[in-house]
Amino acid sequence: MQSRPVFLNLLKIRLPIPGILSILHRLSGVLLVFTMPLIIWLLGKSLVSVDEFAMVNELLTGSLYLQLAIALIFWSLAHHILAGIRFLIIDLGFGLGKNASIYSSLFLLVLSAAIFVFLLSWVFL
């Protein structure tokens, strides 16, 4: 007799920290892919002339929503790069134990948050 499939409520599953980090790594990659046209457009406009640079600067300083989007892109970039390096180190065979995985995940989350705060203060202050 075959057993019926079990309904899994994804909101009730408690993922370990490395699992959460993996999901955040994927989300940050998707965010980077979808925001790349905005980044390229802003960079291209700012490099055309002094007037275009002033327009981009005014656009970035005048719109809170765009500033929040740029801040989210900064976090995404910092987190994705750091998590990618962590996954490459794991692929080399280092940090495979449970404790090492948890500690490296926590370290990465703290480090990406610190880089995010630094970038925010550098750009917006």
N, C-alpha and C. Protein backbone atom coordinates (compact mmCIF):
# COMPACT_ATOMS: atom_id res chain seq x y z
N MET A 1 0.84 -1.18 0.00
CA MET A 1 0.00 0.00 0.00
C MET A 1 0.89 1.25 0.00
N GLN A 2 0.59 2.15 -0.89
CA GLN A 2 1.37 3.38 -0.98
C GLN A 2 0.84 4.41 0.01
N SER A 3 1.78 5.13 0.59
CA SER A 3 1.36 6.18 1.50
C SER A 3 1.06 7.44 0.70
N ARG A 4 0.16 8.20 1.22
CA ARG A 4 -0.23 9.44 0.55
C ARG A 4 0.85 10.49 0.73
N PRO A 5 0.96 11.42 -0.20
CA PRO A 5 1.94 12.49 -0.03
C PRO A 5 1.60 13.34 1.20
N VAL A 6 2.62 13.79 1.85
CA VAL A 6 2.45 14.60 3.04
C VAL A 6 2.40 16.07 2.62
N PHE A 7 1.41 16.79 3.14
CA PHE A 7 1.31 18.22 2.87
C PHE A 7 2.30 18.94 3.78
N LEU A 8 3.20 19.67 3.18
CA LEU A 8 4.19 20.41 3.95
C LEU A 8 3.82 21.89 3.97
N ASN A 9 3.63 22.41 5.15
CA ASN A 9 3.38 23.84 5.30
C ASN A 9 4.75 24.52 5.41
N LEU A 10 5.14 25.24 4.37
CA LEU A 10 6.46 25.84 4.32
C LEU A 10 6.66 26.92 5.39
N LEU A 11 5.57 27.48 5.89
CA LEU A 11 5.69 28.50 6.93
C LEU A 11 5.98 27.89 8.30
N LYS A 12 5.73 26.59 8.45
CA LYS A 12 5.97 25.94 9.73
C LYS A 12 7.31 25.20 9.79
N ILE A 13 7.99 25.10 8.66
CA ILE A 13 9.28 24.43 8.63
C ILE A 13 10.34 25.37 9.19
N ARG A 14 11.10 24.90 10.16
CA ARG A 14 12.16 25.72 10.76
C ARG A 14 13.48 25.35 10.09
N LEU A 15 13.91 26.23 9.21
CA LEU A 15 15.18 26.00 8.51
C LEU A 15 16.35 26.36 9.42
N PRO A 16 17.44 25.64 9.30
CA PRO A 16 18.65 26.07 10.02
C PRO A 16 19.23 27.31 9.36
N ILE A 17 20.12 27.99 10.05
CA ILE A 17 20.70 29.25 9.55
C ILE A 17 21.36 29.06 8.18
N PRO A 18 22.12 27.97 7.93
CA PRO A 18 22.68 27.81 6.58
C PRO A 18 21.61 27.70 5.49
N GLY A 19 20.45 27.13 5.83
CA GLY A 19 19.36 27.07 4.86
C GLY A 19 18.79 28.43 4.55
N ILE A 20 18.64 29.25 5.59
CA ILE A 20 18.16 30.62 5.41
C ILE A 20 19.16 31.40 4.56
N LEU A 21 20.45 31.21 4.85
CA LEU A 21 21.50 31.89 4.10
C LEU A 21 21.45 31.49 2.63
N SER A 22 21.21 30.23 2.36
CA SER A 22 21.12 29.75 0.98
C SER A 22 19.95 30.40 0.25
N ILE A 23 18.82 30.51 0.92
CA ILE A 23 17.65 31.14 0.31
C ILE A 23 17.93 32.62 0.05
N LEU A 24 18.56 33.30 1.02
CA LEU A 24 18.90 34.71 0.83
C LEU A 24 19.90 34.90 -0.32
N HIS A 25 20.81 33.93 -0.47
CA HIS A 25 21.78 34.00 -1.58
C HIS A 25 21.04 33.94 -2.92
N ARG A 26 20.09 33.05 -3.01
CA ARG A 26 19.31 32.94 -4.25
C ARG A 26 18.47 34.18 -4.50
N LEU A 27 17.82 34.69 -3.45
CA LEU A 27 17.01 35.90 -3.58
C LEU A 27 17.86 37.11 -3.99
N SER A 28 19.05 37.22 -3.40
CA SER A 28 19.90 38.35 -3.76
C SER A 28 20.36 38.24 -5.21
N GLY A 29 20.61 37.03 -5.69
CA GLY A 29 20.98 36.85 -7.09
C GLY A 29 19.85 37.23 -8.03
N VAL A 30 18.64 36.84 -7.70
CA VAL A 30 17.48 37.20 -8.52
C VAL A 30 17.28 38.71 -8.51
N LEU A 31 17.42 39.32 -7.34
CA LEU A 31 17.28 40.78 -7.24
C LEU A 31 18.33 41.49 -8.10
N LEU A 32 19.55 40.99 -8.07
CA LEU A 32 20.60 41.61 -8.89
C LEU A 32 20.29 41.49 -10.39
N VAL A 33 19.78 40.34 -10.79
CA VAL A 33 19.46 40.16 -12.21
C VAL A 33 18.35 41.11 -12.65
N PHE A 34 17.31 41.23 -11.82
CA PHE A 34 16.19 42.07 -12.21
C PHE A 34 16.48 43.56 -12.11
N THR A 35 17.43 43.96 -11.27
CA THR A 35 17.74 45.39 -11.14
C THR A 35 18.92 45.82 -12.02
N MET A 36 19.53 44.89 -12.71
CA MET A 36 20.66 45.22 -13.56
C MET A 36 20.32 46.27 -14.62
N PRO A 37 19.15 46.22 -15.28
CA PRO A 37 18.85 47.29 -16.25
C PRO A 37 18.81 48.68 -15.61
N LEU A 38 18.28 48.79 -14.39
CA LEU A 38 18.25 50.08 -13.70
C LEU A 38 19.67 50.55 -13.39
N ILE A 39 20.50 49.65 -12.91
CA ILE A 39 21.88 50.00 -12.58
C ILE A 39 22.64 50.46 -13.82
N ILE A 40 22.50 49.71 -14.89
CA ILE A 40 23.20 50.05 -16.14
C ILE A 40 22.68 51.38 -16.70
N TRP A 41 21.37 51.60 -16.63
CA TRP A 41 20.80 52.85 -17.14
C TRP A 41 21.32 54.05 -16.35
N LEU A 42 21.29 53.93 -15.01
CA LEU A 42 21.78 55.03 -14.17
C LEU A 42 23.26 55.30 -14.40
N LEU A 43 24.05 54.25 -14.49
CA LEU A 43 25.47 54.43 -14.73
C LEU A 43 25.73 55.04 -16.11
N GLY A 44 25.05 54.54 -17.11
CA GLY A 44 25.21 55.08 -18.47
C GLY A 44 24.83 56.54 -18.55
N LYS A 45 23.70 56.90 -17.93
CA LYS A 45 23.27 58.30 -17.94
C LYS A 45 24.28 59.18 -17.22
N SER A 46 24.83 58.70 -16.11
CA SER A 46 25.74 59.54 -15.33
C SER A 46 27.08 59.75 -16.03
N LEU A 47 27.43 58.90 -16.98
CA LEU A 47 28.71 59.02 -17.67
C LEU A 47 28.64 59.80 -18.97
N VAL A 48 27.45 60.20 -19.40
CA VAL A 48 27.30 60.88 -20.68
C VAL A 48 27.85 62.29 -20.64
N SER A 49 27.40 63.06 -19.67
CA SER A 49 27.83 64.45 -19.57
C SER A 49 27.62 64.94 -18.14
N VAL A 50 28.06 66.15 -17.90
CA VAL A 50 27.89 66.74 -16.58
C VAL A 50 26.41 66.96 -16.28
N ASP A 51 25.66 67.37 -17.29
CA ASP A 51 24.22 67.61 -17.10
C ASP A 51 23.49 66.31 -16.79
N GLU A 52 23.84 65.25 -17.49
CA GLU A 52 23.21 63.95 -17.23
C GLU A 52 23.58 63.44 -15.83
N PHE A 53 24.83 63.66 -15.43
CA PHE A 53 25.25 63.28 -14.09
C PHE A 53 24.43 64.04 -13.04
N ALA A 54 24.22 65.33 -13.27
CA ALA A 54 23.42 66.14 -12.35
C ALA A 54 21.98 65.63 -12.30
N MET A 55 21.45 65.20 -13.46
CA MET A 55 20.09 64.66 -13.51
C MET A 55 19.99 63.37 -12.69
N VAL A 56 20.97 62.48 -12.84
CA VAL A 56 20.96 61.23 -12.08
C VAL A 56 21.14 61.52 -10.60
N ASN A 57 22.00 62.46 -10.27
CA ASN A 57 22.21 62.82 -8.88
C ASN A 57 20.93 63.39 -8.27
N GLU A 58 20.24 64.24 -9.01
CA GLU A 58 18.98 64.80 -8.54
C GLU A 58 17.92 63.71 -8.39
N LEU A 59 17.90 62.79 -9.34
CA LEU A 59 16.95 61.68 -9.28
C LEU A 59 17.20 60.81 -8.05
N LEU A 60 18.46 60.52 -7.77
CA LEU A 60 18.79 59.67 -6.63
C LEU A 60 18.56 60.37 -5.30
N THR A 61 18.82 61.64 -5.23
CA THR A 61 18.64 62.35 -3.97
C THR A 61 17.20 62.81 -3.77
N GLY A 62 16.41 62.87 -4.83
CA GLY A 62 15.05 63.37 -4.72
C GLY A 62 14.00 62.30 -4.47
N SER A 63 14.31 61.06 -4.73
CA SER A 63 13.33 59.99 -4.60
C SER A 63 13.72 59.03 -3.49
N LEU A 64 12.90 59.00 -2.45
CA LEU A 64 13.17 58.09 -1.34
C LEU A 64 13.03 56.63 -1.79
N TYR A 65 12.06 56.37 -2.69
CA TYR A 65 11.87 55.01 -3.17
C TYR A 65 13.09 54.52 -3.96
N LEU A 66 13.65 55.38 -4.76
CA LEU A 66 14.84 55.00 -5.52
C LEU A 66 16.04 54.82 -4.60
N GLN A 67 16.15 55.65 -3.57
CA GLN A 67 17.23 55.48 -2.59
C GLN A 67 17.09 54.15 -1.86
N LEU A 68 15.86 53.78 -1.50
CA LEU A 68 15.65 52.48 -0.85
C LEU A 68 15.96 51.33 -1.81
N ALA A 69 15.62 51.51 -3.08
CA ALA A 69 15.94 50.48 -4.07
C ALA A 69 17.44 50.32 -4.23
N ILE A 70 18.17 51.43 -4.25
CA ILE A 70 19.63 51.38 -4.36
C ILE A 70 20.22 50.72 -3.12
N ALA A 71 19.67 51.04 -1.95
CA ALA A 71 20.14 50.43 -0.71
C ALA A 71 19.92 48.92 -0.74
N LEU A 72 18.77 48.49 -1.24
CA LEU A 72 18.49 47.06 -1.35
C LEU A 72 19.43 46.39 -2.35
N ILE A 73 19.76 47.10 -3.42
CA ILE A 73 20.72 46.56 -4.39
C ILE A 73 22.10 46.43 -3.76
N PHE A 74 22.49 47.42 -2.94
CA PHE A 74 23.78 47.35 -2.23
C PHE A 74 23.82 46.14 -1.31
N TRP A 75 22.74 45.92 -0.54
CA TRP A 75 22.72 44.75 0.33
C TRP A 75 22.81 43.47 -0.50
N SER A 76 22.05 43.43 -1.57
CA SER A 76 22.03 42.25 -2.42
C SER A 76 23.41 41.94 -2.98
N LEU A 77 24.10 42.98 -3.43
CA LEU A 77 25.45 42.78 -3.98
C LEU A 77 26.41 42.29 -2.91
N ALA A 78 26.40 42.93 -1.75
CA ALA A 78 27.31 42.53 -0.67
C ALA A 78 27.03 41.10 -0.21
N HIS A 79 25.75 40.80 0.00
CA HIS A 79 25.40 39.47 0.48
C HIS A 79 25.72 38.40 -0.56
N HIS A 80 25.40 38.67 -1.81
CA HIS A 80 25.60 37.66 -2.85
C HIS A 80 27.08 37.35 -3.05
N ILE A 81 27.92 38.37 -3.03
CA ILE A 81 29.36 38.13 -3.19
C ILE A 81 29.91 37.34 -2.01
N LEU A 82 29.55 37.75 -0.80
CA LEU A 82 30.07 37.06 0.38
C LEU A 82 29.56 35.62 0.46
N ALA A 83 28.28 35.41 0.19
CA ALA A 83 27.74 34.05 0.23
C ALA A 83 28.36 33.19 -0.88
N GLY A 84 28.61 33.79 -2.03
CA GLY A 84 29.26 33.05 -3.11
C GLY A 84 30.66 32.60 -2.73
N ILE A 85 31.40 33.48 -2.07
CA ILE A 85 32.74 33.11 -1.59
C ILE A 85 32.64 31.98 -0.57
N ARG A 86 31.66 32.08 0.34
CA ARG A 86 31.47 31.03 1.35
C ARG A 86 31.16 29.69 0.67
N PHE A 87 30.28 29.71 -0.34
CA PHE A 87 29.95 28.47 -1.03
C PHE A 87 31.14 27.91 -1.80
N LEU A 88 31.98 28.77 -2.34
CA LEU A 88 33.20 28.28 -3.01
C LEU A 88 34.14 27.62 -2.01
N ILE A 89 34.26 28.20 -0.82
CA ILE A 89 35.10 27.60 0.22
C ILE A 89 34.53 26.25 0.64
N ILE A 90 33.21 26.15 0.75
CA ILE A 90 32.59 24.87 1.08
C ILE A 90 32.85 23.85 -0.03
N ASP A 91 32.80 24.29 -1.28
CA ASP A 91 33.09 23.39 -2.40
C ASP A 91 34.51 22.85 -2.36
N LEU A 92 35.43 23.62 -1.74
CA LEU A 92 36.81 23.16 -1.61
C LEU A 92 36.97 22.16 -0.45
N GLY A 93 35.91 21.97 0.32
CA GLY A 93 35.94 20.98 1.38
C GLY A 93 36.18 21.54 2.77
N PHE A 94 36.15 22.85 2.91
CA PHE A 94 36.35 23.46 4.22
C PHE A 94 35.01 23.89 4.81
N GLY A 95 34.86 23.75 6.12
CA GLY A 95 33.65 24.21 6.79
C GLY A 95 32.44 23.35 6.54
N LEU A 96 32.65 22.05 6.41
CA LEU A 96 31.53 21.15 6.12
C LEU A 96 30.80 20.68 7.37
N GLY A 97 31.41 20.83 8.53
CA GLY A 97 30.77 20.38 9.77
C GLY A 97 29.58 21.25 10.13
N LYS A 98 28.74 20.71 11.02
CA LYS A 98 27.53 21.43 11.42
C LYS A 98 27.87 22.75 12.11
N ASN A 99 28.76 22.72 13.08
CA ASN A 99 29.11 23.94 13.81
C ASN A 99 29.81 24.95 12.90
N ALA A 100 30.71 24.48 12.06
CA ALA A 100 31.41 25.39 11.15
C ALA A 100 30.43 26.04 10.19
N SER A 101 29.46 25.29 9.73
CA SER A 101 28.46 25.82 8.81
C SER A 101 27.60 26.88 9.49
N ILE A 102 27.19 26.62 10.72
CA ILE A 102 26.37 27.59 11.45
C ILE A 102 27.15 28.86 11.73
N TYR A 103 28.39 28.70 12.22
CA TYR A 103 29.20 29.89 12.55
C TYR A 103 29.57 30.70 11.31
N SER A 104 29.87 30.03 10.21
CA SER A 104 30.19 30.79 8.99
C SER A 104 28.96 31.50 8.45
N SER A 105 27.79 30.89 8.61
CA SER A 105 26.55 31.54 8.17
C SER A 105 26.26 32.78 9.01
N LEU A 106 26.39 32.65 10.32
CA LEU A 106 26.16 33.79 11.20
C LEU A 106 27.17 34.91 10.92
N PHE A 107 28.43 34.53 10.74
CA PHE A 107 29.47 35.52 10.43
C PHE A 107 29.15 36.24 9.13
N LEU A 108 28.71 35.49 8.14
CA LEU A 108 28.39 36.09 6.85
C LEU A 108 27.21 37.04 6.96
N LEU A 109 26.19 36.68 7.71
CA LEU A 109 25.04 37.57 7.86
C LEU A 109 25.42 38.86 8.57
N VAL A 110 26.26 38.76 9.59
CA VAL A 110 26.71 39.96 10.31
C VAL A 110 27.60 40.81 9.41
N LEU A 111 28.50 40.17 8.68
CA LEU A 111 29.41 40.90 7.80
C LEU A 111 28.65 41.59 6.66
N SER A 112 27.68 40.93 6.07
CA SER A 112 26.92 41.56 4.99
C SER A 112 26.08 42.71 5.52
N ALA A 113 25.56 42.60 6.74
CA ALA A 113 24.83 43.71 7.34
C ALA A 113 25.76 44.89 7.62
N ALA A 114 26.97 44.60 8.09
CA ALA A 114 27.93 45.68 8.36
C ALA A 114 28.34 46.38 7.07
N ILE A 115 28.58 45.63 6.02
CA ILE A 115 28.94 46.22 4.73
C ILE A 115 27.77 47.05 4.20
N PHE A 116 26.56 46.55 4.39
CA PHE A 116 25.36 47.28 3.96
C PHE A 116 25.26 48.62 4.68
N VAL A 117 25.46 48.63 5.97
CA VAL A 117 25.39 49.88 6.75
C VAL A 117 26.52 50.83 6.31
N PHE A 118 27.71 50.29 6.10
CA PHE A 118 28.82 51.12 5.64
C PHE A 118 28.51 51.75 4.28
N LEU A 119 28.01 50.97 3.35
CA LEU A 119 27.69 51.50 2.03
C LEU A 119 26.58 52.54 2.09
N LEU A 120 25.57 52.30 2.93
CA LEU A 120 24.52 53.29 3.09
C LEU A 120 25.04 54.61 3.62
N SER A 121 25.89 54.51 4.63
CA SER A 121 26.42 55.75 5.21
C SER A 121 27.36 56.45 4.23
N TRP A 122 28.08 55.69 3.45
CA TRP A 122 29.01 56.27 2.48
C TRP A 122 28.29 56.97 1.35
N VAL A 123 27.20 56.38 0.88
CA VAL A 123 26.49 56.91 -0.28
C VAL A 123 25.51 58.01 0.11
N PHE A 124 24.78 57.83 1.19
CA PHE A 124 23.67 58.73 1.49
C PHE A 124 23.98 59.78 2.55
N LEU A 125 25.16 59.76 3.12
CA LEU A 125 25.48 60.80 4.12
C LEU A 125 26.51 61.77 3.59
